[in-house]
Amino acid sequence: KDIPDIDGDKIFGIRSFTVRLGQERVFWICIWLLQMAYGVAILVGASSSFMLSKCITVLGHAILASILWSQAKSVDLT
């Protein structure tokens, strides 16, 4: 939410993360945080004792993480 507001933040002197770090850096920090959450979900799913639950959780989160990564690469930050 903070990334598109960078122009207004600069005008009004608001020192948001995006103003301080830049749009691209903040965007990729957010993507990496989401990817880490998917990684934790994959690890938790892999530790399940039920094979069906393990397969669905690991495969589902791996697919969602790859979709997030591929869509993030195509985002135009301007």
Protein backbone atom coordinates (compact mmCIF):
# COMPACT_ATOMS: atom_id res chain seq x y z
CA LYS A 1 0.00 0.00 0.00
CA ASP A 2 2.87 2.33 0.76
CA ILE A 3 4.59 2.05 -2.64
CA PRO A 4 2.07 3.99 -4.80
CA ASP A 5 1.90 6.82 -2.24
CA ILE A 6 5.56 7.80 -2.60
CA ASP A 7 4.90 11.08 -4.45
CA GLY A 8 2.42 12.33 -1.85
CA ASP A 9 4.69 11.21 0.98
CA LYS A 10 7.59 13.18 -0.48
CA ILE A 11 5.44 16.30 -0.98
CA PHE A 12 4.13 16.24 2.61
CA GLY A 13 7.46 15.23 4.17
CA ILE A 14 6.33 11.81 5.35
CA ARG A 15 9.36 9.56 5.78
CA SER A 16 7.77 6.21 4.92
CA PHE A 17 9.78 3.08 4.15
CA THR A 18 9.29 3.72 0.45
CA VAL A 19 10.63 7.26 0.67
CA ARG A 20 13.63 6.17 2.73
CA LEU A 21 14.50 2.93 0.92
CA GLY A 22 13.02 3.37 -2.56
CA GLN A 23 10.13 1.68 -4.34
CA GLU A 24 12.02 -1.25 -5.77
CA ARG A 25 13.79 -2.17 -2.54
CA VAL A 26 10.58 -2.04 -0.47
CA PHE A 27 8.72 -4.08 -3.08
CA TRP A 28 11.35 -6.83 -3.11
CA ILE A 29 11.60 -6.84 0.70
CA CYS A 30 7.84 -7.52 0.80
CA ILE A 31 8.15 -10.28 -1.80
CA TRP A 32 10.98 -11.91 0.17
CA LEU A 33 8.94 -11.74 3.38
CA LEU A 34 6.02 -13.46 1.66
CA GLN A 35 8.38 -16.07 0.17
CA MET A 36 9.76 -16.76 3.65
CA ALA A 37 6.20 -17.26 4.92
CA TYR A 38 5.62 -19.78 2.13
CA GLY A 39 8.90 -21.48 3.07
CA VAL A 40 7.79 -21.82 6.69
CA ALA A 41 4.43 -23.20 5.54
CA ILE A 42 6.27 -25.74 3.38
CA LEU A 43 8.45 -26.79 6.34
CA VAL A 44 5.43 -27.12 8.61
CA GLY A 45 3.60 -29.12 5.95
CA ALA A 46 6.64 -31.36 5.44
CA SER A 47 6.69 -32.18 9.14
CA SER A 48 3.11 -33.46 9.08
CA SER A 49 2.63 -37.10 9.96
CA PHE A 50 -0.14 -37.57 7.39
CA MET A 51 1.21 -38.20 3.90
CA LEU A 52 -1.77 -36.70 2.06
CA SER A 53 -1.65 -33.55 4.17
CA LYS A 54 2.12 -33.35 3.67
CA CYS A 55 1.86 -33.63 -0.12
CA ILE A 56 -1.01 -31.17 -0.49
CA THR A 57 0.53 -28.57 1.83
CA VAL A 58 4.05 -28.73 0.39
CA LEU A 59 2.93 -28.85 -3.23
CA GLY A 60 0.24 -26.17 -2.76
CA HIS A 61 2.54 -23.69 -1.07
CA ALA A 62 5.36 -24.37 -3.53
CA ILE A 63 2.99 -23.63 -6.42
CA LEU A 64 1.69 -20.46 -4.75
CA ALA A 65 5.25 -19.27 -4.02
CA SER A 66 6.28 -19.80 -7.64
CA ILE A 67 3.20 -17.92 -8.87
CA LEU A 68 4.01 -15.04 -6.53
CA TRP A 69 7.62 -14.95 -7.77
CA SER A 70 6.66 -15.03 -11.45
CA GLN A 71 4.00 -12.34 -11.02
CA ALA A 72 6.37 -10.15 -8.96
CA LYS A 73 8.92 -10.15 -11.76
CA SER A 74 6.34 -8.68 -14.15
CA VAL A 75 5.23 -5.79 -11.89
CA ASP A 76 5.90 -2.31 -13.24
CA LEU A 77 6.77 -0.16 -10.24
CA THR A 78 6.35 3.09 -12.13
